[in-house]
Amino acid sequence: MKLVLATTNAGKVRELSDMMSKANLDITVVGLMDYPDYRSPVEDGETFGENARKKAVTAAEALGEVVLADDSGLCVDALGGAPGVRSARFAGEGHDDDANIEKLLECMKDVPDGKRQARFVCSLCLAFPNGDFFVTEGDCAGVIARERRGNFGFGYDPVFLLPDGRMMAELNQMEKNLISHRGAAYKLVMPQLRALIKAPKQTL
C-alpha cells in the first residue's frame, strides 16, 4: 500500500518510513516531492489539528490517494505557547532551522532555568479520497536549553532538553520514535493503518 505523507520534509518521510518498517506494516511512504505539480494549501489554522486536517483532506482529494498529514511544532510556556503553529516560520518566511533556533534562544535569554518548560506537539490527520478523515495528537515534554547539542534530528531538536538529560538531537532515529511527539501521534494512528492494509482494495 502507498501512503502519501503531505510534506516535502525528507526528514519526516524517513521517520515515518522507519516507523512503518519497525511496525512490520507493508506501506510505502512517499512525500509531496513525488508530486511536483501539487500545490499545498495555506496553513492558516489556529491549531495544529486544523492545519493537519486541511493539508490531508486537500491532498487526498487532489491526488486520489490515502494521505497522512501532520502539523507539529514547539510550544514554550514562557512565550505564551509560541512559536506554536508558526514554529517553522518563527524567524520569518524563508528562514531555516538555524534562524528559528537563534530567534528562540534570543527570546529565552532572560528566562530563568526553572521556567523554561516546553513541549513538542504533533497533530496527525489520515484522510481518504472520499472525504473521510481521522485526527489524533501526541506531545513530548522538555525544557529549552541555553545552547545547542547533538547531531541528529531537525527543527528545534538541538535545544530541546529531555527529562533524562539528553537533547532530542542526541537521540538516534529509533530512540526518538519511542518518545517523540510524532511517535506518540503515530502510535494512535497505527490501528487505522493496519485496518487499511487488511481492507478489500475497493474500499480504500
C-alpha atoms as a PDB file:
ATOM      1  CA  MET A   1       0.000   0.000   0.000  1.00  0.00           C
ATOM      2  CA  LYS A   2       1.157   3.521  -0.763  1.00  0.00           C
ATOM      3  CA  LEU A   3       0.750   6.305   1.768  1.00  0.00           C
ATOM      4  CA  VAL A   4       1.380   9.923   0.848  1.00  0.00           C
ATOM      5  CA  LEU A   5       2.872  11.992   3.647  1.00  0.00           C
ATOM      6  CA  ALA A   6       1.815  15.580   2.972  1.00  0.00           C
ATOM      7  CA  THR A   7       5.228  17.160   3.351  1.00  0.00           C
ATOM      8  CA  THR A   8       8.352  17.978   1.356  1.00  0.00           C
ATOM      9  CA  ASN A   9      10.450  17.440   4.505  1.00  0.00           C
ATOM     10  CA  ALA A  10      12.645  14.431   3.768  1.00  0.00           C
ATOM     11  CA  GLY A  11      13.360  14.008   7.487  1.00  0.00           C
ATOM     12  CA  LYS A  12       9.693  13.432   8.246  1.00  0.00           C
ATOM     13  CA  VAL A  13       9.379  10.947   5.372  1.00  0.00           C
ATOM     14  CA  ARG A  14      12.361   8.997   6.753  1.00  0.00           C
ATOM     15  CA  GLU A  15      10.871   8.989  10.260  1.00  0.00           C
ATOM     16  CA  LEU A  16       7.541   7.606   9.080  1.00  0.00           C
ATOM     17  CA  SER A  17       9.177   5.041   6.782  1.00  0.00           C
ATOM     18  CA  ASP A  18      11.245   3.831   9.726  1.00  0.00           C
ATOM     19  CA  MET A  19       8.135   3.550  11.905  1.00  0.00           C
ATOM     20  CA  MET A  20       6.283   1.572   9.234  1.00  0.00           C
ATOM     21  CA  SER A  21       9.217  -0.823   8.961  1.00  0.00           C
ATOM     22  CA  LYS A  22       9.531  -1.284  12.719  1.00  0.00           C
ATOM     23  CA  ALA A  23       5.777  -1.942  12.945  1.00  0.00           C
ATOM     24  CA  ASN A  24       6.019  -4.524  10.145  1.00  0.00           C
ATOM     25  CA  LEU A  25       3.494  -2.626   8.041  1.00  0.00           C
ATOM     26  CA  ASP A  26       3.705  -3.174   4.295  1.00  0.00           C
ATOM     27  CA  ILE A  27       3.355   0.522   3.492  1.00  0.00           C
ATOM     28  CA  THR A  28       5.450   2.551   1.074  1.00  0.00           C
ATOM     29  CA  VAL A  29       5.706   6.150   2.228  1.00  0.00           C
ATOM     30  CA  VAL A  30       6.202   8.926  -0.303  1.00  0.00           C
ATOM     31  CA  GLY A  31       6.289  12.685   0.159  1.00  0.00           C
ATOM     32  CA  LEU A  32       4.894  15.561  -1.847  1.00  0.00           C
ATOM     33  CA  MET A  33       8.251  15.873  -3.576  1.00  0.00           C
ATOM     34  CA  ASP A  34       6.925  12.989  -5.696  1.00  0.00           C
ATOM     35  CA  TYR A  35       4.070  15.252  -6.840  1.00  0.00           C
ATOM     36  CA  PRO A  36       5.827  18.376  -8.136  1.00  0.00           C
ATOM     37  CA  ASP A  37       2.669  19.812  -9.717  1.00  0.00           C
ATOM     38  CA  TYR A  38       0.703  19.713  -6.461  1.00  0.00           C
ATOM     39  CA  ARG A  39       0.368  22.983  -4.558  1.00  0.00           C
ATOM     40  CA  SER A  40      -0.195  22.673  -0.826  1.00  0.00           C
ATOM     41  CA  PRO A  41      -2.884  24.836   0.806  1.00  0.00           C
ATOM     42  CA  VAL A  42      -2.015  27.793   3.006  1.00  0.00           C
ATOM     43  CA  GLU A  43      -1.595  26.691   6.631  1.00  0.00           C
ATOM     44  CA  ASP A  44      -3.791  29.330   8.218  1.00  0.00           C
ATOM     45  CA  GLY A  45      -5.379  27.288  11.003  1.00  0.00           C
ATOM     46  CA  GLU A  46      -5.230  28.454  14.600  1.00  0.00           C
ATOM     47  CA  THR A  47      -4.379  24.956  15.887  1.00  0.00           C
ATOM     48  CA  PHE A  48      -2.121  22.114  14.807  1.00  0.00           C
ATOM     49  CA  GLY A  49      -5.211  19.943  14.273  1.00  0.00           C
ATOM     50  CA  GLU A  50      -6.838  22.418  11.894  1.00  0.00           C
ATOM     51  CA  ASN A  51      -3.709  22.666   9.774  1.00  0.00           C
ATOM     52  CA  ALA A  52      -3.169  18.894   9.674  1.00  0.00           C
ATOM     53  CA  ARG A  53      -6.755  18.290   8.578  1.00  0.00           C
ATOM     54  CA  LYS A  54      -6.610  20.949   5.865  1.00  0.00           C
ATOM     55  CA  LYS A  55      -3.372  19.566   4.437  1.00  0.00           C
ATOM     56  CA  ALA A  56      -4.515  15.937   4.496  1.00  0.00           C
ATOM     57  CA  VAL A  57      -8.056  16.383   3.166  1.00  0.00           C
ATOM     58  CA  THR A  58      -6.957  18.748   0.380  1.00  0.00           C
ATOM     59  CA  ALA A  59      -4.154  16.437  -0.791  1.00  0.00           C
ATOM     60  CA  ALA A  60      -6.276  13.274  -0.601  1.00  0.00           C
ATOM     61  CA  GLU A  61      -8.935  14.843  -2.802  1.00  0.00           C
ATOM     62  CA  ALA A  62      -6.454  16.290  -5.302  1.00  0.00           C
ATOM     63  CA  LEU A  63      -4.183  13.246  -5.580  1.00  0.00           C
ATOM     64  CA  GLY A  64      -6.755  10.478  -5.189  1.00  0.00           C
ATOM     65  CA  GLU A  65      -4.539   8.794  -2.588  1.00  0.00           C
ATOM     66  CA  VAL A  66      -4.626   7.972   1.102  1.00  0.00           C
ATOM     67  CA  VAL A  67      -2.801  10.883   2.726  1.00  0.00           C
ATOM     68  CA  LEU A  68      -1.299  11.416   6.157  1.00  0.00           C
ATOM     69  CA  ALA A  69      -0.543  14.994   7.150  1.00  0.00           C
ATOM     70  CA  ASP A  70       0.960  16.356  10.308  1.00  0.00           C
ATOM     71  CA  ASP A  71       1.250  19.778  11.748  1.00  0.00           C
ATOM     72  CA  SER A  72       3.723  19.945  14.535  1.00  0.00           C
ATOM     73  CA  GLY A  73       5.691  22.480  16.443  1.00  0.00           C
ATOM     74  CA  LEU A  74       7.129  23.755  19.661  1.00  0.00           C
ATOM     75  CA  CYS A  75       5.055  25.373  22.407  1.00  0.00           C
ATOM     76  CA  VAL A  76       7.059  27.245  25.038  1.00  0.00           C
ATOM     77  CA  ASP A  77       5.330  28.167  28.300  1.00  0.00           C
ATOM     78  CA  ALA A  78       7.361  31.330  28.890  1.00  0.00           C
ATOM     79  CA  LEU A  79       6.415  32.584  25.416  1.00  0.00           C
ATOM     80  CA  GLY A  80       2.698  32.040  25.886  1.00  0.00           C
ATOM     81  CA  GLY A  81       2.739  28.899  23.742  1.00  0.00           C
ATOM     82  CA  ALA A  82       4.798  30.419  20.917  1.00  0.00           C
ATOM     83  CA  PRO A  83       6.132  29.649  18.405  1.00  0.00           C
ATOM     84  CA  GLY A  84       3.228  27.173  18.171  1.00  0.00           C
ATOM     85  CA  VAL A  85       1.689  26.851  14.706  1.00  0.00           C
ATOM     86  CA  ARG A  86       4.334  29.282  13.424  1.00  0.00           C
ATOM     87  CA  SER A  87       7.239  27.060  14.532  1.00  0.00           C
ATOM     88  CA  ALA A  88       8.569  26.554  11.000  1.00  0.00           C
ATOM     89  CA  ARG A  89       8.270  30.282  10.274  1.00  0.00           C
ATOM     90  CA  PHE A  90       9.302  31.681  13.657  1.00  0.00           C
ATOM     91  CA  ALA A  91      12.214  33.680  12.242  1.00  0.00           C
ATOM     92  CA  GLY A  92      10.171  34.731   9.207  1.00  0.00           C
ATOM     93  CA  GLU A  93       9.272  33.273   5.832  1.00  0.00           C
ATOM     94  CA  GLY A  94      12.207  31.740   4.009  1.00  0.00           C
ATOM     95  CA  HIS A  95      14.364  31.270   7.107  1.00  0.00           C
ATOM     96  CA  ASP A  96      15.788  27.895   8.106  1.00  0.00           C
ATOM     97  CA  ASP A  97      16.043  25.828  11.296  1.00  0.00           C
ATOM     98  CA  ASP A  98      19.208  27.620  12.408  1.00  0.00           C
ATOM     99  CA  ALA A  99      17.498  31.013  12.201  1.00  0.00           C
ATOM    100  CA  ASN A 100      14.474  29.735  14.119  1.00  0.00           C
ATOM    101  CA  ILE A 101      16.682  28.363  16.884  1.00  0.00           C
ATOM    102  CA  GLU A 102      18.644  31.602  17.123  1.00  0.00           C
ATOM    103  CA  LYS A 103      15.449  33.606  17.491  1.00  0.00           C
ATOM    104  CA  LEU A 104      14.148  31.192  20.143  1.00  0.00           C
ATOM    105  CA  LEU A 105      17.356  31.412  22.171  1.00  0.00           C
ATOM    106  CA  GLU A 106      17.286  35.197  21.932  1.00  0.00           C
ATOM    107  CA  CYS A 107      13.673  35.308  23.142  1.00  0.00           C
ATOM    108  CA  MET A 108      14.557  32.973  26.006  1.00  0.00           C
ATOM    109  CA  LYS A 109      17.860  34.523  27.094  1.00  0.00           C
ATOM    110  CA  ASP A 110      16.427  36.170  30.230  1.00  0.00           C
ATOM    111  CA  VAL A 111      14.125  33.283  31.205  1.00  0.00           C
ATOM    112  CA  PRO A 112      15.443  31.525  34.342  1.00  0.00           C
ATOM    113  CA  ASP A 113      16.206  27.804  34.307  1.00  0.00           C
ATOM    114  CA  GLY A 114      13.123  26.873  36.319  1.00  0.00           C
ATOM    115  CA  LYS A 115      10.739  28.478  33.846  1.00  0.00           C
ATOM    116  CA  ARG A 116      11.940  27.120  30.510  1.00  0.00           C
ATOM    117  CA  GLN A 117       9.340  24.352  30.139  1.00  0.00           C
ATOM    118  CA  ALA A 118       8.178  23.474  26.636  1.00  0.00           C
ATOM    119  CA  ARG A 119       6.570  20.692  24.685  1.00  0.00           C
ATOM    120  CA  PHE A 120       6.609  19.442  21.157  1.00  0.00           C
ATOM    121  CA  VAL A 121       3.106  18.827  19.776  1.00  0.00           C
ATOM    122  CA  CYS A 122       2.110  16.793  16.723  1.00  0.00           C
ATOM    123  CA  SER A 123      -1.377  16.548  15.235  1.00  0.00           C
ATOM    124  CA  LEU A 124      -1.912  13.893  12.582  1.00  0.00           C
ATOM    125  CA  CYS A 125      -4.729  13.597  10.084  1.00  0.00           C
ATOM    126  CA  LEU A 126      -5.281  10.487   7.968  1.00  0.00           C
ATOM    127  CA  ALA A 127      -7.518  11.402   5.021  1.00  0.00           C
ATOM    128  CA  PHE A 128      -9.118   9.485   2.172  1.00  0.00           C
ATOM    129  CA  PRO A 129     -10.165  10.485  -1.359  1.00  0.00           C
ATOM    130  CA  ASN A 130     -13.844  10.139  -0.389  1.00  0.00           C
ATOM    131  CA  GLY A 131     -13.526  12.913   2.223  1.00  0.00           C
ATOM    132  CA  ASP A 132     -13.322  10.759   5.340  1.00  0.00           C
ATOM    133  CA  PHE A 133     -10.581  11.600   7.840  1.00  0.00           C
ATOM    134  CA  PHE A 134      -9.198  10.697  11.277  1.00  0.00           C
ATOM    135  CA  VAL A 135      -7.320  13.132  13.556  1.00  0.00           C
ATOM    136  CA  THR A 136      -5.112  12.414  16.579  1.00  0.00           C
ATOM    137  CA  GLU A 137      -2.432  14.228  18.605  1.00  0.00           C
ATOM    138  CA  GLY A 138       0.663  13.455  20.651  1.00  0.00           C
ATOM    139  CA  ASP A 139       3.159  15.516  22.639  1.00  0.00           C
ATOM    140  CA  CYS A 140       6.551  15.353  24.339  1.00  0.00           C
ATOM    141  CA  ALA A 141       7.602  17.480  27.329  1.00  0.00           C
ATOM    142  CA  GLY A 142      11.005  19.038  27.973  1.00  0.00           C
ATOM    143  CA  VAL A 143      12.764  22.354  28.547  1.00  0.00           C
ATOM    144  CA  ILE A 144      14.587  24.794  26.298  1.00  0.00           C
ATOM    145  CA  ALA A 145      18.351  24.598  26.761  1.00  0.00           C
ATOM    146  CA  ARG A 146      20.638  27.630  26.567  1.00  0.00           C
ATOM    147  CA  GLU A 147      22.844  26.225  23.813  1.00  0.00           C
ATOM    148  CA  ARG A 148      22.730  23.570  21.136  1.00  0.00           C
ATOM    149  CA  ARG A 149      23.861  19.973  21.465  1.00  0.00           C
ATOM    150  CA  GLY A 150      23.543  16.874  19.293  1.00  0.00           C
ATOM    151  CA  ASN A 151      23.799  15.986  15.628  1.00  0.00           C
ATOM    152  CA  PHE A 152      20.548  14.169  14.898  1.00  0.00           C
ATOM    153  CA  GLY A 153      17.001  15.280  14.143  1.00  0.00           C
ATOM    154  CA  PHE A 154      15.898  18.594  12.733  1.00  0.00           C
ATOM    155  CA  GLY A 155      13.968  21.706  13.704  1.00  0.00           C
ATOM    156  CA  TYR A 156      14.351  22.655  17.362  1.00  0.00           C
ATOM    157  CA  ASP A 157      15.777  19.252  18.403  1.00  0.00           C
ATOM    158  CA  PRO A 158      19.267  20.654  19.252  1.00  0.00           C
ATOM    159  CA  VAL A 159      17.872  22.879  22.039  1.00  0.00           C
ATOM    160  CA  PHE A 160      15.068  20.651  23.370  1.00  0.00           C
ATOM    161  CA  LEU A 161      16.289  19.069  26.609  1.00  0.00           C
ATOM    162  CA  LEU A 162      14.503  15.892  27.705  1.00  0.00           C
ATOM    163  CA  PRO A 163      13.878  14.845  31.327  1.00  0.00           C
ATOM    164  CA  ASP A 164      16.665  12.241  31.102  1.00  0.00           C
ATOM    165  CA  GLY A 165      19.266  14.954  30.414  1.00  0.00           C
ATOM    166  CA  ARG A 166      19.704  14.247  26.723  1.00  0.00           C
ATOM    167  CA  MET A 167      18.894  16.678  23.957  1.00  0.00           C
ATOM    168  CA  MET A 168      16.344  15.488  21.406  1.00  0.00           C
ATOM    169  CA  ALA A 169      19.090  15.886  18.788  1.00  0.00           C
ATOM    170  CA  GLU A 170      21.226  13.328  20.668  1.00  0.00           C
ATOM    171  CA  LEU A 171      18.739  10.526  20.058  1.00  0.00           C
ATOM    172  CA  ASN A 172      19.085   8.212  17.101  1.00  0.00           C
ATOM    173  CA  GLN A 173      16.008   7.622  14.950  1.00  0.00           C
ATOM    174  CA  MET A 174      14.832   4.553  16.856  1.00  0.00           C
ATOM    175  CA  GLU A 175      15.210   6.263  20.241  1.00  0.00           C
ATOM    176  CA  LYS A 176      13.426   9.380  19.020  1.00  0.00           C
ATOM    177  CA  ASN A 177      10.491   7.438  17.609  1.00  0.00           C
ATOM    178  CA  LEU A 178       9.885   5.847  21.011  1.00  0.00           C
ATOM    179  CA  ILE A 179       9.408   9.117  22.898  1.00  0.00           C
ATOM    180  CA  SER A 180       8.753  11.930  20.425  1.00  0.00           C
ATOM    181  CA  HIS A 181       5.509  13.832  19.923  1.00  0.00           C
ATOM    182  CA  ARG A 182       5.337  12.487  16.384  1.00  0.00           C
ATOM    183  CA  GLY A 183       5.980   8.957  17.593  1.00  0.00           C
ATOM    184  CA  ALA A 184       3.168   9.277  20.142  1.00  0.00           C
ATOM    185  CA  ALA A 185       0.742  10.519  17.490  1.00  0.00           C
ATOM    186  CA  TYR A 186       1.755   7.790  15.048  1.00  0.00           C
ATOM    187  CA  LYS A 187       1.092   5.100  17.662  1.00  0.00           C
ATOM    188  CA  LEU A 188      -2.503   6.324  17.831  1.00  0.00           C
ATOM    189  CA  VAL A 189      -2.935   6.208  14.044  1.00  0.00           C
ATOM    190  CA  MET A 190      -1.311   2.773  13.589  1.00  0.00           C
ATOM    191  CA  PRO A 191      -4.575   0.819  14.149  1.00  0.00           C
ATOM    192  CA  GLN A 192      -6.155   2.804  11.303  1.00  0.00           C
ATOM    193  CA  LEU A 193      -3.251   1.940   9.002  1.00  0.00           C
ATOM    194  CA  ARG A 194      -3.362  -1.743   9.933  1.00  0.00           C
ATOM    195  CA  ALA A 195      -7.076  -1.806   9.154  1.00  0.00           C
ATOM    196  CA  LEU A 196      -6.406  -0.207   5.758  1.00  0.00           C
ATOM    197  CA  ILE A 197      -3.937  -2.908   4.782  1.00  0.00           C
ATOM    198  CA  LYS A 198      -6.430  -5.634   5.686  1.00  0.00           C
ATOM    199  CA  ALA A 199      -9.382  -3.944   3.947  1.00  0.00           C
ATOM    200  CA  PRO A 200     -10.504  -5.020   0.444  1.00  0.00           C
ATOM    201  CA  LYS A 201      -8.800  -2.852  -2.171  1.00  0.00           C
ATOM    202  CA  GLN A 202     -12.038  -1.392  -3.487  1.00  0.00           C
ATOM    203  CA  THR A 203     -12.843   0.169  -0.076  1.00  0.00           C
ATOM    204  CA  LEU A 204      -9.580   2.117   0.163  1.00  0.00           C
END
